[in-house]
Protein backbone atom coordinates (compact mmCIF):
# COMPACT_ATOMS: atom_id res chain seq x y z
CA UNK A 1 0.00 0.00 0.00
CA UNK A 2 1.10 3.59 -0.38
CA UNK A 3 0.17 6.84 1.35
CA UNK A 4 0.38 10.16 -0.42
CA UNK A 5 4.10 10.16 -1.08
CA UNK A 6 5.48 8.52 2.04
CA UNK A 7 4.25 5.01 2.64
CA UNK A 8 3.78 1.81 0.73
CA UNK A 9 0.12 1.32 1.71
CA UNK A 10 -3.23 0.94 -0.22
CA UNK A 11 -4.51 4.32 -1.28
CA UNK A 12 -7.54 5.63 0.58
CA UNK A 13 -10.07 7.47 -1.56
CA UNK A 14 -11.07 10.91 -0.33
CA UNK A 15 -14.78 10.08 -0.55
CA UNK A 16 -14.42 7.35 2.09
CA UNK A 17 -13.37 9.57 5.01
CA UNK A 18 -14.52 12.50 7.16
CA UNK A 19 -14.03 16.13 6.14
CA UNK A 20 -11.07 16.45 8.53
CA UNK A 21 -9.43 13.33 7.14
CA UNK A 22 -10.15 14.47 3.58
CA UNK A 23 -8.22 17.64 4.31
CA UNK A 24 -5.27 15.67 5.69
CA UNK A 25 -5.28 13.29 2.73
CA UNK A 26 -5.53 16.13 0.24
CA UNK A 27 -2.79 18.11 1.97
CA UNK A 28 -0.54 15.06 2.11
CA UNK A 29 -0.99 14.46 -1.61
CA UNK A 30 -0.24 18.08 -2.51
CA UNK A 31 2.47 18.84 0.04
CA UNK A 32 4.45 15.70 -0.76
CA UNK A 33 4.42 16.32 -4.49
CA UNK A 34 4.63 20.09 -4.79
CA UNK A 35 6.02 21.23 -1.47
CA UNK A 36 4.38 22.82 1.55
CA UNK A 37 5.20 26.41 0.67
CA UNK A 38 3.97 25.99 -2.92
CA UNK A 39 0.49 24.91 -1.79
CA UNK A 40 -1.96 27.27 -0.15
CA UNK A 41 -5.10 26.44 1.78
CA UNK A 42 -7.26 27.21 -1.25
CA UNK A 43 -5.64 24.36 -3.17
CA UNK A 44 -6.07 22.00 -0.22
CA UNK A 45 -9.76 22.71 0.29
CA UNK A 46 -10.40 22.39 -3.45
CA UNK A 47 -8.63 19.03 -3.53
CA UNK A 48 -10.51 17.88 -0.42
CA UNK A 49 -13.89 19.16 -1.57
CA UNK A 50 -14.46 21.14 1.62
CA UNK A 51 -14.88 24.78 2.59
CA UNK A 52 -12.00 26.91 3.85
CA UNK A 53 -13.95 27.42 7.07
CA UNK A 54 -13.88 23.65 7.63
CA UNK A 55 -10.08 23.66 7.43
CA UNK A 56 -9.73 26.48 9.94
CA UNK A 57 -12.32 24.92 12.26
CA UNK A 58 -10.49 21.57 12.20
CA UNK A 59 -6.90 22.83 12.39
CA UNK A 60 -6.89 26.55 13.14
CA UNK A 61 -4.06 27.26 10.70
CA UNK A 62 -2.08 25.86 7.81
CA UNK A 63 0.80 25.19 10.22
CA UNK A 64 -1.37 22.87 12.32
CA UNK A 65 -2.51 21.11 9.15
CA UNK A 66 1.14 20.55 8.23
CA UNK A 67 1.74 19.02 11.66
CA UNK A 68 -1.28 16.72 11.24
CA UNK A 69 -0.01 15.58 7.83
CA UNK A 70 3.46 14.82 9.18
CA UNK A 71 2.09 12.94 12.17
CA UNK A 72 -0.18 10.83 9.94
CA UNK A 73 2.44 10.16 7.31
CA UNK A 74 5.01 9.25 9.95
CA UNK A 75 2.66 6.84 11.70
CA UNK A 76 1.69 5.09 8.47
CA UNK A 77 5.28 4.83 7.29
CA UNK A 78 6.50 3.44 10.63
CA UNK A 79 3.69 0.88 10.72
CA UNK A 80 4.61 -0.29 7.22
CA UNK A 81 8.37 -0.25 7.77
CA UNK A 82 8.39 -1.98 11.16
CA UNK A 83 5.89 -4.61 9.98
CA UNK A 84 8.21 -5.30 7.05
CA UNK A 85 11.18 -5.75 9.35
CA UNK A 86 9.29 -8.00 11.75
CA UNK A 87 7.45 -10.27 9.31
CA UNK A 88 8.09 -13.98 9.88
CA UNK A 89 10.37 -15.77 12.30
CA UNK A 90 13.89 -14.86 11.19
CA UNK A 91 17.07 -13.86 13.06
CA UNK A 92 17.50 -10.21 14.03
CA UNK A 93 20.42 -9.67 11.67
CA UNK A 94 18.26 -10.83 8.75
CA UNK A 95 15.58 -8.38 9.81
CA UNK A 96 18.17 -5.61 9.68
CA UNK A 97 19.10 -6.74 6.17
CA UNK A 98 15.50 -6.10 5.12
CA UNK A 99 15.84 -2.34 5.68
CA UNK A 100 17.19 -1.36 2.29
CA UNK A 101 15.12 -3.77 0.17
CA UNK A 102 12.07 -2.22 1.86
CA UNK A 103 13.35 1.23 1.00
CA UNK A 104 13.97 0.18 -2.59
CA UNK A 105 10.32 -0.89 -2.86
CA UNK A 106 9.27 2.50 -1.52
CA UNK A 107 11.65 4.39 -3.81
CA UNK A 108 10.16 2.59 -6.81
CA UNK A 109 6.62 3.84 -6.17
CA UNK A 110 5.28 6.42 -8.63
CA UNK A 111 4.35 8.72 -5.75
CA UNK A 112 7.68 8.58 -3.93
CA UNK A 113 8.62 12.22 -3.37
CA UNK A 114 11.20 11.75 -0.64
CA UNK A 115 10.69 11.99 3.10
CA UNK A 116 8.06 14.55 4.11
CA UNK A 117 9.99 15.25 7.31
CA UNK A 118 13.24 16.02 5.52
CA UNK A 119 11.34 18.04 2.93
CA UNK A 120 9.42 20.01 5.57
CA UNK A 121 12.55 20.90 7.53
CA UNK A 122 14.24 21.90 4.28
CA UNK A 123 11.40 24.27 3.37
CA UNK A 124 10.91 25.91 6.75
CA UNK A 125 12.74 28.13 9.17
CA UNK A 126 15.54 25.96 10.56
CA UNK A 127 14.71 27.30 14.03
CA UNK A 128 11.13 25.98 13.79
CA UNK A 129 11.26 23.76 16.85
CA UNK A 130 7.78 22.27 16.44
CA UNK A 131 8.56 20.68 13.07
CA UNK A 132 11.92 19.57 14.41
CA UNK A 133 10.25 17.92 17.42
CA UNK A 134 7.79 16.01 15.22
CA UNK A 135 10.64 14.93 12.95
CA UNK A 136 12.83 13.79 15.82
CA UNK A 137 9.97 11.79 17.38
CA UNK A 138 9.55 9.96 14.09
CA UNK A 139 13.28 9.35 13.78
CA UNK A 140 13.55 8.23 17.43
CA UNK A 141 10.88 5.55 16.98
CA UNK A 142 12.56 4.17 13.85
CA UNK A 143 16.03 4.18 15.42
CA UNK A 144 14.76 2.52 18.60
CA UNK A 145 13.43 -0.42 16.57
CA UNK A 146 16.71 -0.72 14.67
CA UNK A 147 18.66 -0.46 17.94
CA UNK A 148 16.52 -3.21 19.46
CA UNK A 149 17.23 -5.50 16.51
CA UNK A 150 20.93 -4.63 16.68
CA UNK A 151 20.97 -5.60 20.37
CA UNK A 152 19.19 -8.87 19.61
CA UNK A 153 21.76 -9.55 16.89
CA UNK A 154 24.59 -9.19 19.39
CA UNK A 155 25.94 -5.72 18.65
CA UNK A 156 28.30 -4.41 21.33
CA UNK A 157 26.99 -0.87 20.78
CA UNK A 158 23.48 -1.16 19.31
CA UNK A 159 22.69 2.55 19.66
CA UNK A 160 25.76 3.54 17.65
CA UNK A 161 25.03 0.91 15.01
CA UNK A 162 21.42 2.13 14.75
CA UNK A 163 22.61 5.70 14.17
CA UNK A 164 25.04 4.58 11.47
CA UNK A 165 22.27 2.71 9.69
CA UNK A 166 20.01 5.74 10.19
CA UNK A 167 22.53 7.91 8.35
CA UNK A 168 22.52 5.45 5.46
CA UNK A 169 18.72 5.46 5.41
CA UNK A 170 18.52 9.26 5.32
CA UNK A 171 21.21 9.49 2.66
CA UNK A 172 19.53 6.89 0.48
CA UNK A 173 16.18 8.69 0.74
CA UNK A 174 17.65 12.01 -0.34
CA UNK A 175 19.64 10.51 -3.23
CA UNK A 176 16.65 8.47 -4.41
CA UNK A 177 14.47 11.59 -4.36
CA UNK A 178 16.99 13.53 -6.43
CA UNK A 179 18.00 10.75 -8.83
CA UNK A 180 14.65 8.91 -9.08
CA UNK A 181 16.75 5.73 -9.02
CA UNK A 182 15.45 3.09 -6.57
CA UNK A 183 18.71 1.15 -6.96
CA UNK A 184 20.52 3.59 -4.69
CA UNK A 185 19.05 1.49 -1.88
CA UNK A 186 21.26 -1.41 -3.04
CA UNK A 187 24.39 0.68 -2.66
CA UNK A 188 23.27 1.65 0.84
CA UNK A 189 22.64 -2.04 1.55
CA UNK A 190 26.17 -2.91 0.43
CA UNK A 191 27.53 -0.25 2.76
CA UNK A 192 25.35 -1.47 5.63
CA UNK A 193 26.55 -5.02 5.09
CA UNK A 194 29.98 -3.96 6.31
CA UNK A 195 28.31 -3.04 9.59
CA UNK A 196 26.15 -6.16 9.78
CA UNK A 197 28.65 -8.82 8.68
CA UNK A 198 30.36 -9.08 12.10
CA UNK A 199 26.97 -9.79 13.69
CA UNK A 200 26.37 -12.72 11.35
CA UNK A 201 29.75 -14.33 12.03
C-alpha atoms as a PDB file:
ATOM      1  CA  UNK A   1       0.000   0.000   0.000  1.00  0.00           C
ATOM      2  CA  UNK A   2       1.102   3.589  -0.384  1.00  0.00           C
ATOM      3  CA  UNK A   3       0.169   6.845   1.349  1.00  0.00           C
ATOM      4  CA  UNK A   4       0.377  10.165  -0.421  1.00  0.00           C
ATOM      5  CA  UNK A   5       4.103  10.161  -1.082  1.00  0.00           C
ATOM      6  CA  UNK A   6       5.476   8.524   2.043  1.00  0.00           C
ATOM      7  CA  UNK A   7       4.254   5.008   2.639  1.00  0.00           C
ATOM      8  CA  UNK A   8       3.779   1.813   0.735  1.00  0.00           C
ATOM      9  CA  UNK A   9       0.120   1.320   1.712  1.00  0.00           C
ATOM     10  CA  UNK A  10      -3.232   0.943  -0.222  1.00  0.00           C
ATOM     11  CA  UNK A  11      -4.511   4.315  -1.281  1.00  0.00           C
ATOM     12  CA  UNK A  12      -7.542   5.632   0.584  1.00  0.00           C
ATOM     13  CA  UNK A  13     -10.071   7.469  -1.561  1.00  0.00           C
ATOM     14  CA  UNK A  14     -11.071  10.911  -0.335  1.00  0.00           C
ATOM     15  CA  UNK A  15     -14.784  10.080  -0.549  1.00  0.00           C
ATOM     16  CA  UNK A  16     -14.424   7.354   2.090  1.00  0.00           C
ATOM     17  CA  UNK A  17     -13.368   9.566   5.007  1.00  0.00           C
ATOM     18  CA  UNK A  18     -14.524  12.499   7.157  1.00  0.00           C
ATOM     19  CA  UNK A  19     -14.032  16.131   6.143  1.00  0.00           C
ATOM     20  CA  UNK A  20     -11.067  16.451   8.527  1.00  0.00           C
ATOM     21  CA  UNK A  21      -9.432  13.329   7.143  1.00  0.00           C
ATOM     22  CA  UNK A  22     -10.154  14.468   3.580  1.00  0.00           C
ATOM     23  CA  UNK A  23      -8.218  17.640   4.310  1.00  0.00           C
ATOM     24  CA  UNK A  24      -5.265  15.673   5.687  1.00  0.00           C
ATOM     25  CA  UNK A  25      -5.277  13.287   2.735  1.00  0.00           C
ATOM     26  CA  UNK A  26      -5.526  16.125   0.239  1.00  0.00           C
ATOM     27  CA  UNK A  27      -2.795  18.115   1.966  1.00  0.00           C
ATOM     28  CA  UNK A  28      -0.539  15.058   2.111  1.00  0.00           C
ATOM     29  CA  UNK A  29      -0.994  14.459  -1.605  1.00  0.00           C
ATOM     30  CA  UNK A  30      -0.245  18.080  -2.507  1.00  0.00           C
ATOM     31  CA  UNK A  31       2.469  18.844   0.045  1.00  0.00           C
ATOM     32  CA  UNK A  32       4.454  15.700  -0.765  1.00  0.00           C
ATOM     33  CA  UNK A  33       4.419  16.315  -4.492  1.00  0.00           C
ATOM     34  CA  UNK A  34       4.629  20.090  -4.792  1.00  0.00           C
ATOM     35  CA  UNK A  35       6.019  21.233  -1.470  1.00  0.00           C
ATOM     36  CA  UNK A  36       4.377  22.817   1.548  1.00  0.00           C
ATOM     37  CA  UNK A  37       5.198  26.410   0.665  1.00  0.00           C
ATOM     38  CA  UNK A  38       3.971  25.986  -2.915  1.00  0.00           C
ATOM     39  CA  UNK A  39       0.493  24.911  -1.787  1.00  0.00           C
ATOM     40  CA  UNK A  40      -1.960  27.274  -0.150  1.00  0.00           C
ATOM     41  CA  UNK A  41      -5.096  26.439   1.782  1.00  0.00           C
ATOM     42  CA  UNK A  42      -7.261  27.213  -1.251  1.00  0.00           C
ATOM     43  CA  UNK A  43      -5.643  24.361  -3.174  1.00  0.00           C
ATOM     44  CA  UNK A  44      -6.066  21.997  -0.219  1.00  0.00           C
ATOM     45  CA  UNK A  45      -9.764  22.706   0.285  1.00  0.00           C
ATOM     46  CA  UNK A  46     -10.397  22.391  -3.455  1.00  0.00           C
ATOM     47  CA  UNK A  47      -8.634  19.026  -3.529  1.00  0.00           C
ATOM     48  CA  UNK A  48     -10.505  17.880  -0.421  1.00  0.00           C
ATOM     49  CA  UNK A  49     -13.891  19.158  -1.566  1.00  0.00           C
ATOM     50  CA  UNK A  50     -14.457  21.137   1.624  1.00  0.00           C
ATOM     51  CA  UNK A  51     -14.882  24.781   2.595  1.00  0.00           C
ATOM     52  CA  UNK A  52     -12.002  26.911   3.848  1.00  0.00           C
ATOM     53  CA  UNK A  53     -13.951  27.423   7.073  1.00  0.00           C
ATOM     54  CA  UNK A  54     -13.878  23.646   7.626  1.00  0.00           C
ATOM     55  CA  UNK A  55     -10.083  23.661   7.428  1.00  0.00           C
ATOM     56  CA  UNK A  56      -9.734  26.476   9.940  1.00  0.00           C
ATOM     57  CA  UNK A  57     -12.317  24.921  12.256  1.00  0.00           C
ATOM     58  CA  UNK A  58     -10.495  21.574  12.200  1.00  0.00           C
ATOM     59  CA  UNK A  59      -6.901  22.828  12.392  1.00  0.00           C
ATOM     60  CA  UNK A  60      -6.890  26.546  13.141  1.00  0.00           C
ATOM     61  CA  UNK A  61      -4.057  27.264  10.699  1.00  0.00           C
ATOM     62  CA  UNK A  62      -2.081  25.856   7.807  1.00  0.00           C
ATOM     63  CA  UNK A  63       0.803  25.188  10.220  1.00  0.00           C
ATOM     64  CA  UNK A  64      -1.365  22.868  12.324  1.00  0.00           C
ATOM     65  CA  UNK A  65      -2.513  21.110   9.151  1.00  0.00           C
ATOM     66  CA  UNK A  66       1.140  20.552   8.225  1.00  0.00           C
ATOM     67  CA  UNK A  67       1.739  19.015  11.657  1.00  0.00           C
ATOM     68  CA  UNK A  68      -1.279  16.718  11.240  1.00  0.00           C
ATOM     69  CA  UNK A  69      -0.011  15.584   7.832  1.00  0.00           C
ATOM     70  CA  UNK A  70       3.458  14.822   9.179  1.00  0.00           C
ATOM     71  CA  UNK A  71       2.088  12.939  12.170  1.00  0.00           C
ATOM     72  CA  UNK A  72      -0.181  10.834   9.945  1.00  0.00           C
ATOM     73  CA  UNK A  73       2.443  10.161   7.305  1.00  0.00           C
ATOM     74  CA  UNK A  74       5.010   9.250   9.951  1.00  0.00           C
ATOM     75  CA  UNK A  75       2.659   6.842  11.697  1.00  0.00           C
ATOM     76  CA  UNK A  76       1.687   5.086   8.468  1.00  0.00           C
ATOM     77  CA  UNK A  77       5.281   4.827   7.293  1.00  0.00           C
ATOM     78  CA  UNK A  78       6.497   3.436  10.627  1.00  0.00           C
ATOM     79  CA  UNK A  79       3.686   0.882  10.723  1.00  0.00           C
ATOM     80  CA  UNK A  80       4.606  -0.294   7.217  1.00  0.00           C
ATOM     81  CA  UNK A  81       8.367  -0.252   7.769  1.00  0.00           C
ATOM     82  CA  UNK A  82       8.394  -1.982  11.159  1.00  0.00           C
ATOM     83  CA  UNK A  83       5.889  -4.606   9.979  1.00  0.00           C
ATOM     84  CA  UNK A  84       8.206  -5.300   7.046  1.00  0.00           C
ATOM     85  CA  UNK A  85      11.179  -5.750   9.352  1.00  0.00           C
ATOM     86  CA  UNK A  86       9.293  -7.995  11.754  1.00  0.00           C
ATOM     87  CA  UNK A  87       7.448 -10.270   9.314  1.00  0.00           C
ATOM     88  CA  UNK A  88       8.091 -13.981   9.882  1.00  0.00           C
ATOM     89  CA  UNK A  89      10.375 -15.773  12.296  1.00  0.00           C
ATOM     90  CA  UNK A  90      13.885 -14.859  11.185  1.00  0.00           C
ATOM     91  CA  UNK A  91      17.065 -13.857  13.064  1.00  0.00           C
ATOM     92  CA  UNK A  92      17.498 -10.212  14.033  1.00  0.00           C
ATOM     93  CA  UNK A  93      20.423  -9.666  11.669  1.00  0.00           C
ATOM     94  CA  UNK A  94      18.265 -10.829   8.749  1.00  0.00           C
ATOM     95  CA  UNK A  95      15.577  -8.384   9.813  1.00  0.00           C
ATOM     96  CA  UNK A  96      18.169  -5.614   9.681  1.00  0.00           C
ATOM     97  CA  UNK A  97      19.097  -6.739   6.169  1.00  0.00           C
ATOM     98  CA  UNK A  98      15.501  -6.099   5.118  1.00  0.00           C
ATOM     99  CA  UNK A  99      15.840  -2.343   5.682  1.00  0.00           C
ATOM    100  CA  UNK A 100      17.186  -1.364   2.288  1.00  0.00           C
ATOM    101  CA  UNK A 101      15.116  -3.765   0.168  1.00  0.00           C
ATOM    102  CA  UNK A 102      12.070  -2.223   1.863  1.00  0.00           C
ATOM    103  CA  UNK A 103      13.350   1.227   1.005  1.00  0.00           C
ATOM    104  CA  UNK A 104      13.973   0.180  -2.593  1.00  0.00           C
ATOM    105  CA  UNK A 105      10.320  -0.888  -2.857  1.00  0.00           C
ATOM    106  CA  UNK A 106       9.268   2.501  -1.523  1.00  0.00           C
ATOM    107  CA  UNK A 107      11.649   4.391  -3.809  1.00  0.00           C
ATOM    108  CA  UNK A 108      10.157   2.588  -6.809  1.00  0.00           C
ATOM    109  CA  UNK A 109       6.617   3.838  -6.171  1.00  0.00           C
ATOM    110  CA  UNK A 110       5.282   6.422  -8.626  1.00  0.00           C
ATOM    111  CA  UNK A 111       4.355   8.717  -5.746  1.00  0.00           C
ATOM    112  CA  UNK A 112       7.682   8.579  -3.935  1.00  0.00           C
ATOM    113  CA  UNK A 113       8.623  12.216  -3.369  1.00  0.00           C
ATOM    114  CA  UNK A 114      11.200  11.745  -0.636  1.00  0.00           C
ATOM    115  CA  UNK A 115      10.691  11.988   3.101  1.00  0.00           C
ATOM    116  CA  UNK A 116       8.060  14.551   4.113  1.00  0.00           C
ATOM    117  CA  UNK A 117       9.989  15.250   7.313  1.00  0.00           C
ATOM    118  CA  UNK A 118      13.244  16.016   5.518  1.00  0.00           C
ATOM    119  CA  UNK A 119      11.337  18.042   2.934  1.00  0.00           C
ATOM    120  CA  UNK A 120       9.416  20.014   5.566  1.00  0.00           C
ATOM    121  CA  UNK A 121      12.553  20.899   7.533  1.00  0.00           C
ATOM    122  CA  UNK A 122      14.244  21.899   4.279  1.00  0.00           C
ATOM    123  CA  UNK A 123      11.402  24.270   3.371  1.00  0.00           C
ATOM    124  CA  UNK A 124      10.907  25.907   6.749  1.00  0.00           C
ATOM    125  CA  UNK A 125      12.744  28.133   9.168  1.00  0.00           C
ATOM    126  CA  UNK A 126      15.535  25.962  10.564  1.00  0.00           C
ATOM    127  CA  UNK A 127      14.709  27.302  14.025  1.00  0.00           C
ATOM    128  CA  UNK A 128      11.132  25.983  13.788  1.00  0.00           C
ATOM    129  CA  UNK A 129      11.261  23.762  16.847  1.00  0.00           C
ATOM    130  CA  UNK A 130       7.778  22.271  16.442  1.00  0.00           C
ATOM    131  CA  UNK A 131       8.562  20.677  13.071  1.00  0.00           C
ATOM    132  CA  UNK A 132      11.923  19.567  14.410  1.00  0.00           C
ATOM    133  CA  UNK A 133      10.253  17.923  17.423  1.00  0.00           C
ATOM    134  CA  UNK A 134       7.792  16.010  15.218  1.00  0.00           C
ATOM    135  CA  UNK A 135      10.644  14.929  12.949  1.00  0.00           C
ATOM    136  CA  UNK A 136      12.830  13.791  15.823  1.00  0.00           C
ATOM    137  CA  UNK A 137       9.972  11.792  17.382  1.00  0.00           C
ATOM    138  CA  UNK A 138       9.550   9.958  14.086  1.00  0.00           C
ATOM    139  CA  UNK A 139      13.280   9.352  13.781  1.00  0.00           C
ATOM    140  CA  UNK A 140      13.548   8.230  17.428  1.00  0.00           C
ATOM    141  CA  UNK A 141      10.877   5.552  16.976  1.00  0.00           C
ATOM    142  CA  UNK A 142      12.562   4.169  13.850  1.00  0.00           C
ATOM    143  CA  UNK A 143      16.031   4.181  15.415  1.00  0.00           C
ATOM    144  CA  UNK A 144      14.761   2.522  18.595  1.00  0.00           C
ATOM    145  CA  UNK A 145      13.434  -0.419  16.571  1.00  0.00           C
ATOM    146  CA  UNK A 146      16.707  -0.716  14.666  1.00  0.00           C
ATOM    147  CA  UNK A 147      18.656  -0.461  17.936  1.00  0.00           C
ATOM    148  CA  UNK A 148      16.516  -3.215  19.459  1.00  0.00           C
ATOM    149  CA  UNK A 149      17.233  -5.496  16.506  1.00  0.00           C
ATOM    150  CA  UNK A 150      20.933  -4.634  16.685  1.00  0.00           C
ATOM    151  CA  UNK A 151      20.969  -5.601  20.366  1.00  0.00           C
ATOM    152  CA  UNK A 152      19.192  -8.874  19.606  1.00  0.00           C
ATOM    153  CA  UNK A 153      21.762  -9.549  16.887  1.00  0.00           C
ATOM    154  CA  UNK A 154      24.591  -9.186  19.392  1.00  0.00           C
ATOM    155  CA  UNK A 155      25.944  -5.719  18.652  1.00  0.00           C
ATOM    156  CA  UNK A 156      28.297  -4.405  21.331  1.00  0.00           C
ATOM    157  CA  UNK A 157      26.990  -0.868  20.777  1.00  0.00           C
ATOM    158  CA  UNK A 158      23.483  -1.163  19.309  1.00  0.00           C
ATOM    159  CA  UNK A 159      22.689   2.552  19.658  1.00  0.00           C
ATOM    160  CA  UNK A 160      25.759   3.537  17.646  1.00  0.00           C
ATOM    161  CA  UNK A 161      25.026   0.907  15.007  1.00  0.00           C
ATOM    162  CA  UNK A 162      21.424   2.131  14.746  1.00  0.00           C
ATOM    163  CA  UNK A 163      22.607   5.703  14.166  1.00  0.00           C
ATOM    164  CA  UNK A 164      25.041   4.584  11.472  1.00  0.00           C
ATOM    165  CA  UNK A 165      22.267   2.712   9.694  1.00  0.00           C
ATOM    166  CA  UNK A 166      20.009   5.744  10.185  1.00  0.00           C
ATOM    167  CA  UNK A 167      22.527   7.915   8.352  1.00  0.00           C
ATOM    168  CA  UNK A 168      22.519   5.449   5.462  1.00  0.00           C
ATOM    169  CA  UNK A 169      18.716   5.463   5.414  1.00  0.00           C
ATOM    170  CA  UNK A 170      18.517   9.262   5.318  1.00  0.00           C
ATOM    171  CA  UNK A 171      21.205   9.494   2.659  1.00  0.00           C
ATOM    172  CA  UNK A 172      19.533   6.888   0.478  1.00  0.00           C
ATOM    173  CA  UNK A 173      16.180   8.685   0.742  1.00  0.00           C
ATOM    174  CA  UNK A 174      17.651  12.007  -0.339  1.00  0.00           C
ATOM    175  CA  UNK A 175      19.644  10.514  -3.229  1.00  0.00           C
ATOM    176  CA  UNK A 176      16.649   8.473  -4.408  1.00  0.00           C
ATOM    177  CA  UNK A 177      14.471  11.588  -4.359  1.00  0.00           C
ATOM    178  CA  UNK A 178      16.992  13.529  -6.433  1.00  0.00           C
ATOM    179  CA  UNK A 179      17.999  10.754  -8.834  1.00  0.00           C
ATOM    180  CA  UNK A 180      14.647   8.912  -9.082  1.00  0.00           C
ATOM    181  CA  UNK A 181      16.752   5.732  -9.023  1.00  0.00           C
ATOM    182  CA  UNK A 182      15.450   3.094  -6.573  1.00  0.00           C
ATOM    183  CA  UNK A 183      18.712   1.145  -6.958  1.00  0.00           C
ATOM    184  CA  UNK A 184      20.520   3.592  -4.692  1.00  0.00           C
ATOM    185  CA  UNK A 185      19.045   1.489  -1.883  1.00  0.00           C
ATOM    186  CA  UNK A 186      21.259  -1.408  -3.042  1.00  0.00           C
ATOM    187  CA  UNK A 187      24.394   0.675  -2.657  1.00  0.00           C
ATOM    188  CA  UNK A 188      23.270   1.652   0.838  1.00  0.00           C
ATOM    189  CA  UNK A 189      22.635  -2.043   1.553  1.00  0.00           C
ATOM    190  CA  UNK A 190      26.167  -2.912   0.434  1.00  0.00           C
ATOM    191  CA  UNK A 191      27.533  -0.252   2.759  1.00  0.00           C
ATOM    192  CA  UNK A 192      25.351  -1.471   5.630  1.00  0.00           C
ATOM    193  CA  UNK A 193      26.547  -5.021   5.087  1.00  0.00           C
ATOM    194  CA  UNK A 194      29.982  -3.959   6.307  1.00  0.00           C
ATOM    195  CA  UNK A 195      28.308  -3.037   9.593  1.00  0.00           C
ATOM    196  CA  UNK A 196      26.148  -6.157   9.785  1.00  0.00           C
ATOM    197  CA  UNK A 197      28.646  -8.816   8.677  1.00  0.00           C
ATOM    198  CA  UNK A 198      30.357  -9.075  12.098  1.00  0.00           C
ATOM    199  CA  UNK A 199      26.972  -9.794  13.693  1.00  0.00           C
ATOM    200  CA  UNK A 200      26.365 -12.718  11.354  1.00  0.00           C
ATOM    201  CA  UNK A 201      29.745 -14.326  12.032  1.00  0.00           C
END
